[in-house]
Amino acid sequence: MTKPDRAKSIRNFFEQHLVSERGLSSHTVLACRDAWKLFLQFVCRQHRKTCVTLAFEHLTAETVRRFLEYLERERKNGVHTRNNRLAAIHAFFQYLATTDPRHLAQCEAILAVAFKRKAMRVPEYLEPDEVRTIFREIKSNTPLGPRDDALLRLL
């Protein structure tokens, strides 16, 4: 993809796809823009190029993985922020795969970069009000209600 094609694809992604076709809010579009700004700055630093001289071939799955590592290690971003940035990158490459099939293999490789799962913290205890709320929700007039009440009280 030549540089004008790359610029046109990115512009069309933001102006036509995100706003006109998908109808995303301005906040979502700005978050996507910020993710792409960070990503392009990272790629430019990695390849010692300016954004104008950056080639589409520099945007690889491996570069995306290194960018995600950079977000977590250097910028101290959490899993949620990391995944949001990856979603913005994925959205563009999903769009590109449908509008310019010449880059389908590259798009597929980038779309294969996985989101990270975050372990949910298990509460170690419940406050007394939370326990009372749970007991109030037990329906004692159902066949399993008394059993559920007894099991929870035993715990």
N, C-alpha and C. Protein backbone atom coordinates (compact mmCIF):
# COMPACT_ATOMS: atom_id res chain seq x y z
N MET A 1 0.86 -1.17 0.00
CA MET A 1 0.00 0.00 0.00
C MET A 1 0.90 1.23 0.00
N THR A 2 0.64 2.11 -0.89
CA THR A 2 1.45 3.32 -0.94
C THR A 2 1.04 4.25 0.19
N LYS A 3 1.88 5.22 0.46
CA LYS A 3 1.61 6.14 1.57
C LYS A 3 0.29 6.89 1.39
N PRO A 4 -0.04 7.40 0.18
CA PRO A 4 -1.35 8.05 0.04
C PRO A 4 -2.51 7.09 0.28
N ASP A 5 -2.38 5.81 -0.15
CA ASP A 5 -3.42 4.83 0.10
C ASP A 5 -3.58 4.58 1.60
N ARG A 6 -2.44 4.50 2.31
CA ARG A 6 -2.47 4.27 3.75
C ARG A 6 -3.18 5.42 4.45
N ALA A 7 -2.79 6.63 4.11
CA ALA A 7 -3.42 7.80 4.72
C ALA A 7 -4.91 7.86 4.39
N LYS A 8 -5.26 7.55 3.16
CA LYS A 8 -6.67 7.57 2.76
C LYS A 8 -7.45 6.49 3.50
N SER A 9 -6.87 5.31 3.65
CA SER A 9 -7.54 4.23 4.37
C SER A 9 -7.79 4.60 5.83
N ILE A 10 -6.80 5.19 6.47
CA ILE A 10 -6.96 5.59 7.87
C ILE A 10 -8.00 6.70 7.99
N ARG A 11 -7.95 7.66 7.10
CA ARG A 11 -8.93 8.75 7.14
C ARG A 11 -10.35 8.22 6.91
N ASN A 12 -10.51 7.36 5.90
CA ASN A 12 -11.83 6.78 5.64
C ASN A 12 -12.33 5.94 6.81
N PHE A 13 -11.41 5.25 7.47
CA PHE A 13 -11.78 4.44 8.63
C PHE A 13 -12.40 5.33 9.70
N PHE A 14 -11.77 6.46 9.98
CA PHE A 14 -12.29 7.34 11.03
C PHE A 14 -13.52 8.11 10.58
N GLU A 15 -13.46 8.70 9.39
CA GLU A 15 -14.54 9.59 8.96
C GLU A 15 -15.77 8.83 8.47
N GLN A 16 -15.58 7.81 7.66
CA GLN A 16 -16.72 7.11 7.08
C GLN A 16 -17.15 5.92 7.93
N HIS A 17 -16.21 5.04 8.21
CA HIS A 17 -16.57 3.79 8.88
C HIS A 17 -17.04 4.00 10.32
N LEU A 18 -16.21 4.63 11.14
CA LEU A 18 -16.57 4.77 12.56
C LEU A 18 -17.74 5.73 12.77
N VAL A 19 -17.72 6.85 12.07
CA VAL A 19 -18.74 7.87 12.31
C VAL A 19 -20.01 7.60 11.49
N SER A 20 -19.87 7.51 10.18
CA SER A 20 -21.06 7.40 9.32
C SER A 20 -21.68 6.00 9.34
N GLU A 21 -20.87 4.98 9.13
CA GLU A 21 -21.41 3.62 9.01
C GLU A 21 -21.77 3.00 10.36
N ARG A 22 -20.87 3.12 11.34
CA ARG A 22 -21.12 2.48 12.64
C ARG A 22 -21.82 3.40 13.62
N GLY A 23 -21.76 4.71 13.38
CA GLY A 23 -22.46 5.67 14.24
C GLY A 23 -21.93 5.71 15.67
N LEU A 24 -20.62 5.53 15.83
CA LEU A 24 -20.04 5.53 17.17
C LEU A 24 -20.01 6.94 17.74
N SER A 25 -20.02 7.02 19.05
CA SER A 25 -20.01 8.33 19.70
C SER A 25 -18.66 9.02 19.48
N SER A 26 -18.67 10.32 19.67
CA SER A 26 -17.43 11.08 19.49
C SER A 26 -16.38 10.64 20.50
N HIS A 27 -16.80 10.23 21.69
CA HIS A 27 -15.85 9.77 22.71
C HIS A 27 -15.16 8.49 22.27
N THR A 28 -15.92 7.57 21.66
CA THR A 28 -15.35 6.32 21.18
C THR A 28 -14.38 6.58 20.04
N VAL A 29 -14.75 7.47 19.14
CA VAL A 29 -13.87 7.82 18.02
C VAL A 29 -12.59 8.46 18.53
N LEU A 30 -12.70 9.34 19.53
CA LEU A 30 -11.51 9.97 20.09
C LEU A 30 -10.61 8.95 20.80
N ALA A 31 -11.21 8.00 21.48
CA ALA A 31 -10.42 6.95 22.15
C ALA A 31 -9.69 6.11 21.11
N CYS A 32 -10.36 5.83 20.02
CA CYS A 32 -9.74 5.07 18.92
C CYS A 32 -8.61 5.89 18.30
N ARG A 33 -8.85 7.17 18.12
CA ARG A 33 -7.81 8.05 17.58
C ARG A 33 -6.59 8.08 18.48
N ASP A 34 -6.82 8.17 19.78
CA ASP A 34 -5.71 8.21 20.72
C ASP A 34 -4.91 6.90 20.70
N ALA A 35 -5.62 5.78 20.57
CA ALA A 35 -4.94 4.48 20.49
C ALA A 35 -4.06 4.44 19.25
N TRP A 36 -4.59 4.91 18.13
CA TRP A 36 -3.82 4.90 16.89
C TRP A 36 -2.65 5.88 16.94
N LYS A 37 -2.85 6.99 17.59
CA LYS A 37 -1.76 7.96 17.74
C LYS A 37 -0.60 7.32 18.52
N LEU A 38 -0.93 6.67 19.64
CA LEU A 38 0.11 5.99 20.42
C LEU A 38 0.79 4.88 19.62
N PHE A 39 -0.03 4.12 18.89
CA PHE A 39 0.50 3.01 18.11
C PHE A 39 1.45 3.51 17.02
N LEU A 40 1.03 4.54 16.29
CA LEU A 40 1.88 5.07 15.22
C LEU A 40 3.16 5.69 15.77
N GLN A 41 3.06 6.38 16.90
CA GLN A 41 4.26 6.94 17.52
C GLN A 41 5.23 5.82 17.91
N PHE A 42 4.68 4.75 18.46
CA PHE A 42 5.51 3.60 18.85
C PHE A 42 6.19 2.98 17.63
N VAL A 43 5.44 2.78 16.57
CA VAL A 43 6.00 2.16 15.36
C VAL A 43 7.08 3.07 14.76
N CYS A 44 6.85 4.35 14.76
CA CYS A 44 7.85 5.29 14.24
C CYS A 44 9.15 5.21 15.04
N ARG A 45 9.04 5.15 16.36
CA ARG A 45 10.24 5.03 17.20
C ARG A 45 10.95 3.70 16.94
N GLN A 46 10.19 2.63 16.80
CA GLN A 46 10.78 1.31 16.59
C GLN A 46 11.56 1.23 15.28
N HIS A 47 11.05 1.88 14.25
CA HIS A 47 11.66 1.80 12.91
C HIS A 47 12.47 3.04 12.56
N ARG A 48 12.56 3.97 13.51
CA ARG A 48 13.31 5.22 13.30
C ARG A 48 12.87 5.92 12.01
N LYS A 49 11.58 6.10 11.91
CA LYS A 49 10.99 6.78 10.75
C LYS A 49 10.01 7.83 11.26
N THR A 50 9.67 8.74 10.37
CA THR A 50 8.60 9.68 10.69
C THR A 50 7.29 9.04 10.28
N CYS A 51 6.23 9.57 10.78
CA CYS A 51 4.92 9.01 10.46
C CYS A 51 4.63 9.13 8.96
N VAL A 52 5.12 10.16 8.34
CA VAL A 52 4.90 10.37 6.91
C VAL A 52 5.65 9.33 6.07
N THR A 53 6.84 8.92 6.53
CA THR A 53 7.63 7.96 5.76
C THR A 53 7.37 6.52 6.17
N LEU A 54 6.51 6.32 7.14
CA LEU A 54 6.20 4.98 7.61
C LEU A 54 5.45 4.20 6.52
N ALA A 55 5.86 2.98 6.28
CA ALA A 55 5.21 2.15 5.28
C ALA A 55 4.20 1.22 5.95
N PHE A 56 3.20 0.84 5.21
CA PHE A 56 2.17 -0.06 5.73
C PHE A 56 2.78 -1.37 6.21
N GLU A 57 3.85 -1.79 5.59
CA GLU A 57 4.49 -3.06 5.94
C GLU A 57 5.10 -3.03 7.34
N HIS A 58 5.27 -1.85 7.91
CA HIS A 58 5.79 -1.75 9.28
C HIS A 58 4.73 -2.12 10.31
N LEU A 59 3.48 -2.13 9.91
CA LEU A 59 2.38 -2.43 10.83
C LEU A 59 2.12 -3.94 10.79
N THR A 60 2.86 -4.67 11.59
CA THR A 60 2.78 -6.12 11.59
C THR A 60 2.22 -6.64 12.92
N ALA A 61 1.88 -7.91 12.93
CA ALA A 61 1.38 -8.53 14.16
C ALA A 61 2.43 -8.48 15.26
N GLU A 62 3.68 -8.70 14.89
CA GLU A 62 4.76 -8.64 15.88
C GLU A 62 4.90 -7.24 16.46
N THR A 63 4.74 -6.23 15.62
CA THR A 63 4.80 -4.85 16.09
C THR A 63 3.65 -4.57 17.05
N VAL A 64 2.48 -5.09 16.74
CA VAL A 64 1.32 -4.91 17.63
C VAL A 64 1.61 -5.56 18.98
N ARG A 65 2.17 -6.76 18.98
CA ARG A 65 2.50 -7.44 20.24
C ARG A 65 3.52 -6.63 21.06
N ARG A 66 4.53 -6.11 20.39
CA ARG A 66 5.53 -5.29 21.09
C ARG A 66 4.88 -4.02 21.64
N PHE A 67 3.96 -3.43 20.89
CA PHE A 67 3.24 -2.24 21.34
C PHE A 67 2.44 -2.55 22.61
N LEU A 68 1.77 -3.69 22.63
CA LEU A 68 0.97 -4.06 23.80
C LEU A 68 1.86 -4.29 25.03
N GLU A 69 3.02 -4.90 24.80
CA GLU A 69 3.98 -5.08 25.90
C GLU A 69 4.46 -3.72 26.42
N TYR A 70 4.72 -2.81 25.49
CA TYR A 70 5.15 -1.45 25.85
C TYR A 70 4.08 -0.76 26.69
N LEU A 71 2.82 -0.92 26.31
CA LEU A 71 1.74 -0.29 27.07
C LEU A 71 1.73 -0.78 28.52
N GLU A 72 1.89 -2.07 28.68
CA GLU A 72 1.85 -2.63 30.03
C GLU A 72 3.11 -2.33 30.84
N ARG A 73 4.25 -2.48 30.21
CA ARG A 73 5.52 -2.35 30.94
C ARG A 73 5.93 -0.89 31.14
N GLU A 74 5.96 -0.14 30.05
CA GLU A 74 6.47 1.24 30.13
C GLU A 74 5.42 2.25 30.57
N ARG A 75 4.23 2.14 30.01
CA ARG A 75 3.18 3.11 30.33
C ARG A 75 2.34 2.69 31.53
N LYS A 76 2.57 1.46 32.01
CA LYS A 76 1.87 0.93 33.20
C LYS A 76 0.35 0.88 32.99
N ASN A 77 -0.07 0.60 31.75
CA ASN A 77 -1.50 0.46 31.47
C ASN A 77 -1.99 -0.89 31.98
N GLY A 78 -3.21 -0.91 32.47
CA GLY A 78 -3.83 -2.14 32.93
C GLY A 78 -4.35 -2.95 31.75
N VAL A 79 -4.87 -4.12 32.06
CA VAL A 79 -5.39 -5.02 31.03
C VAL A 79 -6.54 -4.38 30.27
N HIS A 80 -7.41 -3.68 30.98
CA HIS A 80 -8.57 -3.06 30.33
C HIS A 80 -8.13 -2.03 29.28
N THR A 81 -7.19 -1.17 29.63
CA THR A 81 -6.70 -0.16 28.70
C THR A 81 -5.98 -0.81 27.53
N ARG A 82 -5.15 -1.81 27.84
CA ARG A 82 -4.43 -2.55 26.80
C ARG A 82 -5.42 -3.15 25.80
N ASN A 83 -6.46 -3.78 26.30
CA ASN A 83 -7.45 -4.40 25.43
C ASN A 83 -8.22 -3.37 24.61
N ASN A 84 -8.48 -2.20 25.19
CA ASN A 84 -9.15 -1.14 24.43
C ASN A 84 -8.29 -0.66 23.27
N ARG A 85 -7.00 -0.52 23.52
CA ARG A 85 -6.08 -0.11 22.45
C ARG A 85 -6.02 -1.17 21.36
N LEU A 86 -5.98 -2.43 21.77
CA LEU A 86 -5.97 -3.52 20.79
C LEU A 86 -7.27 -3.55 20.00
N ALA A 87 -8.38 -3.28 20.64
CA ALA A 87 -9.67 -3.25 19.94
C ALA A 87 -9.68 -2.19 18.85
N ALA A 88 -9.06 -1.04 19.12
CA ALA A 88 -8.98 0.02 18.11
C ALA A 88 -8.13 -0.43 16.92
N ILE A 89 -7.05 -1.12 17.20
CA ILE A 89 -6.19 -1.63 16.12
C ILE A 89 -6.93 -2.70 15.34
N HIS A 90 -7.58 -3.62 16.05
CA HIS A 90 -8.36 -4.67 15.38
C HIS A 90 -9.45 -4.07 14.49
N ALA A 91 -10.14 -3.05 15.00
CA ALA A 91 -11.23 -2.45 14.23
C ALA A 91 -10.73 -1.94 12.89
N PHE A 92 -9.57 -1.28 12.89
CA PHE A 92 -9.04 -0.78 11.62
C PHE A 92 -8.70 -1.93 10.68
N PHE A 93 -8.06 -2.97 11.17
CA PHE A 93 -7.65 -4.05 10.29
C PHE A 93 -8.83 -4.91 9.84
N GLN A 94 -9.90 -4.95 10.62
CA GLN A 94 -11.13 -5.59 10.13
C GLN A 94 -11.71 -4.78 8.98
N TYR A 95 -11.71 -3.48 9.14
CA TYR A 95 -12.19 -2.58 8.10
C TYR A 95 -11.31 -2.72 6.85
N LEU A 96 -10.00 -2.69 7.03
CA LEU A 96 -9.07 -2.76 5.90
C LEU A 96 -9.22 -4.08 5.14
N ALA A 97 -9.45 -5.17 5.85
CA ALA A 97 -9.59 -6.48 5.21
C ALA A 97 -10.78 -6.49 4.24
N THR A 98 -11.81 -5.72 4.56
CA THR A 98 -12.99 -5.70 3.68
C THR A 98 -12.88 -4.67 2.57
N THR A 99 -12.02 -3.66 2.75
CA THR A 99 -11.92 -2.61 1.73
C THR A 99 -10.71 -2.76 0.83
N ASP A 100 -9.68 -3.46 1.27
CA ASP A 100 -8.46 -3.62 0.46
C ASP A 100 -7.91 -5.04 0.67
N PRO A 101 -8.46 -6.01 -0.04
CA PRO A 101 -8.07 -7.40 0.17
C PRO A 101 -6.61 -7.73 -0.16
N ARG A 102 -5.88 -6.78 -0.74
CA ARG A 102 -4.45 -7.03 -1.00
C ARG A 102 -3.69 -7.32 0.29
N HIS A 103 -4.20 -6.82 1.39
CA HIS A 103 -3.50 -6.94 2.67
C HIS A 103 -4.20 -7.93 3.60
N LEU A 104 -4.96 -8.84 3.04
CA LEU A 104 -5.75 -9.77 3.85
C LEU A 104 -4.89 -10.60 4.80
N ALA A 105 -3.76 -11.12 4.31
CA ALA A 105 -2.90 -11.94 5.17
C ALA A 105 -2.38 -11.14 6.35
N GLN A 106 -1.95 -9.92 6.09
CA GLN A 106 -1.45 -9.06 7.15
C GLN A 106 -2.56 -8.74 8.15
N CYS A 107 -3.75 -8.46 7.65
CA CYS A 107 -4.89 -8.17 8.51
C CYS A 107 -5.23 -9.37 9.39
N GLU A 108 -5.24 -10.57 8.79
CA GLU A 108 -5.55 -11.78 9.55
C GLU A 108 -4.53 -12.00 10.66
N ALA A 109 -3.26 -11.77 10.36
CA ALA A 109 -2.21 -11.96 11.37
C ALA A 109 -2.40 -10.99 12.54
N ILE A 110 -2.75 -9.76 12.25
CA ILE A 110 -2.95 -8.77 13.31
C ILE A 110 -4.23 -9.07 14.09
N LEU A 111 -5.26 -9.50 13.38
CA LEU A 111 -6.51 -9.85 14.07
C LEU A 111 -6.36 -11.08 14.95
N ALA A 112 -5.33 -11.88 14.72
CA ALA A 112 -5.07 -13.06 15.55
C ALA A 112 -4.39 -12.70 16.87
N VAL A 113 -3.92 -11.48 17.00
CA VAL A 113 -3.32 -11.05 18.28
C VAL A 113 -4.45 -11.03 19.32
N ALA A 114 -4.27 -11.79 20.37
CA ALA A 114 -5.36 -12.04 21.33
C ALA A 114 -5.47 -10.95 22.39
N PHE A 115 -6.69 -10.80 22.85
CA PHE A 115 -6.94 -9.95 23.99
C PHE A 115 -6.46 -10.68 25.24
N LYS A 116 -6.12 -9.92 26.24
CA LYS A 116 -5.62 -10.51 27.49
C LYS A 116 -6.78 -10.62 28.47
N ARG A 117 -6.83 -11.74 29.14
CA ARG A 117 -7.87 -11.92 30.15
C ARG A 117 -7.36 -11.42 31.50
N LYS A 118 -8.26 -10.84 32.24
CA LYS A 118 -7.91 -10.37 33.57
C LYS A 118 -8.62 -11.25 34.58
N ALA A 119 -7.87 -11.77 35.52
CA ALA A 119 -8.47 -12.60 36.57
C ALA A 119 -9.37 -11.73 37.44
N MET A 120 -10.55 -12.22 37.68
CA MET A 120 -11.49 -11.50 38.53
C MET A 120 -11.13 -11.76 39.99
N ARG A 121 -11.13 -10.71 40.76
CA ARG A 121 -10.85 -10.85 42.18
C ARG A 121 -12.06 -11.45 42.87
N VAL A 122 -11.84 -12.50 43.60
CA VAL A 122 -12.91 -13.15 44.34
C VAL A 122 -13.02 -12.47 45.70
N PRO A 123 -14.23 -12.03 46.05
CA PRO A 123 -14.35 -11.39 47.36
C PRO A 123 -14.01 -12.38 48.47
N GLU A 124 -13.27 -11.92 49.45
CA GLU A 124 -12.88 -12.80 50.54
C GLU A 124 -13.97 -12.89 51.61
N TYR A 125 -14.83 -11.91 51.67
CA TYR A 125 -15.91 -11.94 52.65
C TYR A 125 -17.01 -11.01 52.16
N LEU A 126 -18.18 -11.12 52.78
CA LEU A 126 -19.29 -10.24 52.47
C LEU A 126 -19.60 -9.40 53.71
N GLU A 127 -20.00 -8.19 53.48
CA GLU A 127 -20.43 -7.32 54.56
C GLU A 127 -21.79 -7.82 55.07
N PRO A 128 -22.13 -7.54 56.32
CA PRO A 128 -23.42 -8.01 56.86
C PRO A 128 -24.63 -7.58 56.02
N ASP A 129 -24.62 -6.35 55.50
CA ASP A 129 -25.74 -5.90 54.66
C ASP A 129 -25.83 -6.72 53.38
N GLU A 130 -24.69 -7.10 52.82
CA GLU A 130 -24.69 -7.92 51.60
C GLU A 130 -25.27 -9.31 51.88
N VAL A 131 -24.94 -9.87 53.02
CA VAL A 131 -25.48 -11.19 53.40
C VAL A 131 -26.99 -11.09 53.58
N ARG A 132 -27.47 -10.06 54.27
CA ARG A 132 -28.92 -9.89 54.46
C ARG A 132 -29.63 -9.74 53.11
N THR A 133 -29.02 -9.02 52.18
CA THR A 133 -29.62 -8.85 50.85
C THR A 133 -29.75 -10.19 50.14
N ILE A 134 -28.74 -11.02 50.25
CA ILE A 134 -28.79 -12.35 49.62
C ILE A 134 -29.93 -13.17 50.23
N PHE A 135 -30.06 -13.17 51.55
CA PHE A 135 -31.13 -13.94 52.19
C PHE A 135 -32.52 -13.41 51.83
N ARG A 136 -32.64 -12.10 51.64
CA ARG A 136 -33.94 -11.54 51.24
C ARG A 136 -34.35 -11.98 49.84
N GLU A 137 -33.37 -12.30 49.00
CA GLU A 137 -33.66 -12.69 47.63
C GLU A 137 -34.09 -14.16 47.49
N ILE A 138 -33.91 -14.95 48.53
CA ILE A 138 -34.32 -16.36 48.47
C ILE A 138 -35.83 -16.43 48.49
N LYS A 139 -36.39 -17.14 47.54
CA LYS A 139 -37.84 -17.26 47.44
C LYS A 139 -38.27 -18.52 48.21
N SER A 140 -38.75 -18.30 49.41
CA SER A 140 -39.10 -19.43 50.28
C SER A 140 -40.38 -20.14 49.85
N ASN A 141 -41.16 -19.53 48.96
CA ASN A 141 -42.40 -20.16 48.51
C ASN A 141 -42.20 -21.10 47.31
N THR A 142 -40.97 -21.28 46.88
CA THR A 142 -40.68 -22.22 45.80
C THR A 142 -40.22 -23.54 46.40
N PRO A 143 -40.27 -24.63 45.64
CA PRO A 143 -39.85 -25.93 46.19
C PRO A 143 -38.39 -25.96 46.65
N LEU A 144 -37.51 -25.20 45.99
CA LEU A 144 -36.09 -25.22 46.36
C LEU A 144 -35.71 -24.10 47.30
N GLY A 145 -36.63 -23.21 47.62
CA GLY A 145 -36.34 -22.07 48.47
C GLY A 145 -35.82 -22.45 49.85
N PRO A 146 -36.52 -23.33 50.59
CA PRO A 146 -36.02 -23.71 51.93
C PRO A 146 -34.65 -24.40 51.87
N ARG A 147 -34.43 -25.18 50.83
CA ARG A 147 -33.12 -25.83 50.68
C ARG A 147 -32.02 -24.79 50.47
N ASP A 148 -32.27 -23.82 49.57
CA ASP A 148 -31.29 -22.78 49.30
C ASP A 148 -31.00 -21.97 50.57
N ASP A 149 -32.05 -21.66 51.33
CA ASP A 149 -31.88 -20.91 52.57
C ASP A 149 -31.01 -21.69 53.55
N ALA A 150 -31.29 -22.99 53.69
CA ALA A 150 -30.52 -23.82 54.63
C ALA A 150 -29.06 -23.92 54.20
N LEU A 151 -28.80 -24.11 52.89
CA LEU A 151 -27.43 -24.23 52.41
C LEU A 151 -26.64 -22.94 52.62
N LEU A 152 -27.27 -21.83 52.34
CA LEU A 152 -26.57 -20.55 52.51
C LEU A 152 -26.32 -20.23 53.98
N ARG A 153 -27.27 -20.57 54.84
CA ARG A 153 -27.06 -20.32 56.27
C ARG A 153 -25.96 -21.22 56.82
N LEU A 154 -25.86 -22.43 56.30
CA LEU A 154 -24.80 -23.34 56.70
C LEU A 154 -23.43 -22.80 56.32
N LEU A 155 -23.35 -22.18 55.14
CA LEU A 155 -22.08 -21.62 54.69
C LEU A 155 -21.68 -20.46 55.57
